[in-house]
Amino acid sequence: LLNFINIYRLFYGGLIALGRFRKNGGQFWMDIGERSISQFEAWNTECEWNFQNKLLLLQAELHFTKNEVTEAEHTYNLAISSSRDHRFVHEQGLSCELAGIFYRVTNRKEHSMSLIRQAAECYTSWGAHEKANALLLSLE
């Protein structure tokens, strides 16, 4: 059954699983992330408008997880652009935030800080002022 709750459970579950894999390893987490990507690939063929940006962000996180730096950079940029183009400002913020973490981990602090600021702008425009403030405080 395709409904709002299942879509976001799978989306955020996949993001969390890939992050957990990066932190602790465990094929269990990788499997969850890869299953999420597979499902979003199928959904994307049905409705690119709603699913493309989410699929791209999951793919970027997978590239990050596999230490595929060039592919991750490219796919984060596509996820940010797709979120913006499809007017999912909160998911644009999330894409910028996760890309910022990627750039921080790969020792590109200036680019990381720029993306975190962009994420804060997106969250502010969406009305998530506390989230935006927390991100900006993390830069200090």
C-alpha atoms as a PDB file:
ATOM      1  CA  LEU A   1       0.000   0.000   0.000  1.00  0.00           C
ATOM      2  CA  LEU A   2       1.510   3.276  -1.146  1.00  0.00           C
ATOM      3  CA  ASN A   3       0.681   5.988   1.325  1.00  0.00           C
ATOM      4  CA  PHE A   4       2.339   8.981   2.869  1.00  0.00           C
ATOM      5  CA  ILE A   5       3.482   7.167   6.010  1.00  0.00           C
ATOM      6  CA  ASN A   6       5.023   4.252   4.114  1.00  0.00           C
ATOM      7  CA  ILE A   7       6.822   6.568   1.699  1.00  0.00           C
ATOM      8  CA  TYR A   8       8.446   8.607   4.448  1.00  0.00           C
ATOM      9  CA  ARG A   9       9.146   5.579   6.650  1.00  0.00           C
ATOM     10  CA  LEU A  10      11.074   4.051   3.770  1.00  0.00           C
ATOM     11  CA  PHE A  11      12.796   7.338   2.865  1.00  0.00           C
ATOM     12  CA  TYR A  12      13.968   8.285   6.344  1.00  0.00           C
ATOM     13  CA  GLY A  13      14.547   4.646   7.256  1.00  0.00           C
ATOM     14  CA  GLY A  14      16.903   4.311   4.292  1.00  0.00           C
ATOM     15  CA  LEU A  15      18.784   7.491   5.197  1.00  0.00           C
ATOM     16  CA  ILE A  16      19.116   6.404   8.822  1.00  0.00           C
ATOM     17  CA  ALA A  17      20.245   2.903   7.840  1.00  0.00           C
ATOM     18  CA  LEU A  18      22.995   4.203   5.546  1.00  0.00           C
ATOM     19  CA  GLY A  19      24.185   6.559   8.277  1.00  0.00           C
ATOM     20  CA  ARG A  20      24.226   3.694  10.779  1.00  0.00           C
ATOM     21  CA  PHE A  21      26.215   1.561   8.333  1.00  0.00           C
ATOM     22  CA  ARG A  22      28.822   4.325   7.986  1.00  0.00           C
ATOM     23  CA  LYS A  23      29.081   4.545  11.757  1.00  0.00           C
ATOM     24  CA  ASN A  24      28.949   0.890  12.828  1.00  0.00           C
ATOM     25  CA  GLY A  25      29.008  -1.324   9.745  1.00  0.00           C
ATOM     26  CA  GLY A  26      26.617  -4.235   9.594  1.00  0.00           C
ATOM     27  CA  GLN A  27      25.114  -5.695   6.464  1.00  0.00           C
ATOM     28  CA  PHE A  28      21.679  -5.391   8.081  1.00  0.00           C
ATOM     29  CA  TRP A  29      21.863  -1.586   7.721  1.00  0.00           C
ATOM     30  CA  MET A  30      23.208  -1.699   4.172  1.00  0.00           C
ATOM     31  CA  ASP A  31      20.384  -4.033   3.155  1.00  0.00           C
ATOM     32  CA  ILE A  32      17.764  -1.611   4.499  1.00  0.00           C
ATOM     33  CA  GLY A  33      19.379   1.280   2.613  1.00  0.00           C
ATOM     34  CA  GLU A  34      19.591  -0.667  -0.623  1.00  0.00           C
ATOM     35  CA  ARG A  35      15.972  -1.881  -0.328  1.00  0.00           C
ATOM     36  CA  SER A  36      14.853   1.711   0.131  1.00  0.00           C
ATOM     37  CA  ILE A  37      16.708   2.735  -3.008  1.00  0.00           C
ATOM     38  CA  SER A  38      15.176  -0.129  -4.988  1.00  0.00           C
ATOM     39  CA  GLN A  39      11.673   0.874  -3.940  1.00  0.00           C
ATOM     40  CA  PHE A  40      12.250   4.534  -4.777  1.00  0.00           C
ATOM     41  CA  GLU A  41      13.618   3.535  -8.181  1.00  0.00           C
ATOM     42  CA  ALA A  42      10.295   1.797  -8.873  1.00  0.00           C
ATOM     43  CA  TRP A  43       8.208   4.676  -7.545  1.00  0.00           C
ATOM     44  CA  ASN A  44      10.290   7.188  -9.511  1.00  0.00           C
ATOM     45  CA  THR A  45       9.220   5.544 -12.774  1.00  0.00           C
ATOM     46  CA  GLU A  46       5.593   6.200 -11.770  1.00  0.00           C
ATOM     47  CA  CYS A  47       5.952   9.780 -10.519  1.00  0.00           C
ATOM     48  CA  GLU A  48       9.303  11.477 -10.974  1.00  0.00           C
ATOM     49  CA  TRP A  49       7.980  14.739  -9.512  1.00  0.00           C
ATOM     50  CA  ASN A  50       7.434  13.233  -6.067  1.00  0.00           C
ATOM     51  CA  PHE A  51      10.216  10.661  -5.903  1.00  0.00           C
ATOM     52  CA  GLN A  52      13.238  11.801  -7.922  1.00  0.00           C
ATOM     53  CA  ASN A  53      14.777  14.041  -5.271  1.00  0.00           C
ATOM     54  CA  LYS A  54      14.322  11.399  -2.567  1.00  0.00           C
ATOM     55  CA  LEU A  55      15.862   8.699  -4.756  1.00  0.00           C
ATOM     56  CA  LEU A  56      18.817  10.941  -5.595  1.00  0.00           C
ATOM     57  CA  LEU A  57      19.450  11.748  -1.935  1.00  0.00           C
ATOM     58  CA  LEU A  58      19.357   8.063  -0.994  1.00  0.00           C
ATOM     59  CA  GLN A  59      21.764   7.322  -3.868  1.00  0.00           C
ATOM     60  CA  ALA A  60      24.097  10.130  -2.774  1.00  0.00           C
ATOM     61  CA  GLU A  61      24.142   8.719   0.745  1.00  0.00           C
ATOM     62  CA  LEU A  62      24.919   5.265  -0.664  1.00  0.00           C
ATOM     63  CA  HIS A  63      27.845   6.680  -2.658  1.00  0.00           C
ATOM     64  CA  PHE A  64      29.076   8.427   0.512  1.00  0.00           C
ATOM     65  CA  THR A  65      28.735   5.151   2.409  1.00  0.00           C
ATOM     66  CA  LYS A  66      30.786   3.329  -0.237  1.00  0.00           C
ATOM     67  CA  ASN A  67      33.404   6.121  -0.275  1.00  0.00           C
ATOM     68  CA  GLU A  68      32.593   6.926  -3.906  1.00  0.00           C
ATOM     69  CA  VAL A  69      33.430  10.592  -3.480  1.00  0.00           C
ATOM     70  CA  THR A  70      33.011  11.861  -7.050  1.00  0.00           C
ATOM     71  CA  GLU A  71      29.695  10.065  -7.499  1.00  0.00           C
ATOM     72  CA  ALA A  72      28.479  11.305  -4.116  1.00  0.00           C
ATOM     73  CA  GLU A  73      29.324  14.941  -4.965  1.00  0.00           C
ATOM     74  CA  HIS A  74      27.491  14.718  -8.274  1.00  0.00           C
ATOM     75  CA  THR A  75      24.441  12.990  -6.813  1.00  0.00           C
ATOM     76  CA  TYR A  76      24.128  15.373  -3.849  1.00  0.00           C
ATOM     77  CA  ASN A  77      24.078  18.256  -6.347  1.00  0.00           C
ATOM     78  CA  LEU A  78      21.358  16.501  -8.356  1.00  0.00           C
ATOM     79  CA  ALA A  79      19.319  15.848  -5.183  1.00  0.00           C
ATOM     80  CA  ILE A  80      19.540  19.506  -4.163  1.00  0.00           C
ATOM     81  CA  SER A  81      18.543  20.680  -7.648  1.00  0.00           C
ATOM     82  CA  SER A  82      15.679  18.209  -7.925  1.00  0.00           C
ATOM     83  CA  SER A  83      14.315  19.185  -4.508  1.00  0.00           C
ATOM     84  CA  ARG A  84      14.469  22.858  -5.469  1.00  0.00           C
ATOM     85  CA  ASP A  85      12.975  22.317  -8.937  1.00  0.00           C
ATOM     86  CA  HIS A  86      10.113  20.240  -7.513  1.00  0.00           C
ATOM     87  CA  ARG A  87       9.527  22.761  -4.712  1.00  0.00           C
ATOM     88  CA  PHE A  88      10.245  20.441  -1.778  1.00  0.00           C
ATOM     89  CA  VAL A  89      12.039  23.134   0.227  1.00  0.00           C
ATOM     90  CA  HIS A  90      12.274  21.001   3.380  1.00  0.00           C
ATOM     91  CA  GLU A  91      13.900  18.189   1.390  1.00  0.00           C
ATOM     92  CA  GLN A  92      16.187  20.694  -0.306  1.00  0.00           C
ATOM     93  CA  GLY A  93      17.256  21.664   3.212  1.00  0.00           C
ATOM     94  CA  LEU A  94      17.820  18.030   4.118  1.00  0.00           C
ATOM     95  CA  SER A  95      19.828  17.452   0.925  1.00  0.00           C
ATOM     96  CA  CYS A  96      21.988  20.498   1.671  1.00  0.00           C
ATOM     97  CA  GLU A  97      22.444  19.405   5.272  1.00  0.00           C
ATOM     98  CA  LEU A  98      23.504  15.855   4.392  1.00  0.00           C
ATOM     99  CA  ALA A  99      25.767  17.119   1.608  1.00  0.00           C
ATOM    100  CA  GLY A 100      27.294  19.514   4.150  1.00  0.00           C
ATOM    101  CA  ILE A 101      28.052  16.592   6.449  1.00  0.00           C
ATOM    102  CA  PHE A 102      29.599  14.708   3.517  1.00  0.00           C
ATOM    103  CA  TYR A 103      31.858  17.657   2.682  1.00  0.00           C
ATOM    104  CA  ARG A 104      32.853  18.081   6.331  1.00  0.00           C
ATOM    105  CA  VAL A 105      33.800  14.392   6.593  1.00  0.00           C
ATOM    106  CA  THR A 106      35.790  14.645   3.344  1.00  0.00           C
ATOM    107  CA  ASN A 107      37.700  17.670   4.724  1.00  0.00           C
ATOM    108  CA  ARG A 108      36.140  20.429   2.631  1.00  0.00           C
ATOM    109  CA  LYS A 109      35.071  22.703   5.445  1.00  0.00           C
ATOM    110  CA  GLU A 110      34.251  25.850   3.437  1.00  0.00           C
ATOM    111  CA  HIS A 111      31.938  24.013   1.065  1.00  0.00           C
ATOM    112  CA  SER A 112      30.401  22.204   4.028  1.00  0.00           C
ATOM    113  CA  MET A 113      29.684  25.476   5.828  1.00  0.00           C
ATOM    114  CA  SER A 114      28.131  26.974   2.690  1.00  0.00           C
ATOM    115  CA  LEU A 115      25.777  24.020   2.324  1.00  0.00           C
ATOM    116  CA  ILE A 116      24.816  24.094   6.001  1.00  0.00           C
ATOM    117  CA  ARG A 117      23.932  27.792   5.588  1.00  0.00           C
ATOM    118  CA  GLN A 118      21.836  26.919   2.522  1.00  0.00           C
ATOM    119  CA  ALA A 119      20.096  24.195   4.537  1.00  0.00           C
ATOM    120  CA  ALA A 120      19.324  26.715   7.284  1.00  0.00           C
ATOM    121  CA  GLU A 121      17.822  29.096   4.691  1.00  0.00           C
ATOM    122  CA  CYS A 122      15.615  26.302   3.352  1.00  0.00           C
ATOM    123  CA  TYR A 123      14.466  25.273   6.813  1.00  0.00           C
ATOM    124  CA  THR A 124      13.732  28.904   7.703  1.00  0.00           C
ATOM    125  CA  SER A 125      11.653  29.424   4.566  1.00  0.00           C
ATOM    126  CA  TRP A 126       9.754  26.232   5.425  1.00  0.00           C
ATOM    127  CA  GLY A 127       9.108  27.504   8.951  1.00  0.00           C
ATOM    128  CA  ALA A 128      11.501  25.208  10.835  1.00  0.00           C
ATOM    129  CA  HIS A 129      13.251  28.067  12.627  1.00  0.00           C
ATOM    130  CA  GLU A 130      14.600  25.990  15.516  1.00  0.00           C
ATOM    131  CA  LYS A 131      16.175  23.494  13.107  1.00  0.00           C
ATOM    132  CA  ALA A 132      17.743  26.349  11.152  1.00  0.00           C
ATOM    133  CA  ASN A 133      19.077  27.951  14.345  1.00  0.00           C
ATOM    134  CA  ALA A 134      20.536  24.634  15.521  1.00  0.00           C
ATOM    135  CA  LEU A 135      22.352  24.203  12.210  1.00  0.00           C
ATOM    136  CA  LEU A 136      23.752  27.722  12.313  1.00  0.00           C
ATOM    137  CA  LEU A 137      24.936  27.194  15.894  1.00  0.00           C
ATOM    138  CA  SER A 138      26.747  24.054  14.761  1.00  0.00           C
ATOM    139  CA  LEU A 139      28.912  26.249  12.518  1.00  0.00           C
ATOM    140  CA  GLU A 140      30.285  28.233  15.449  1.00  0.00           C
END
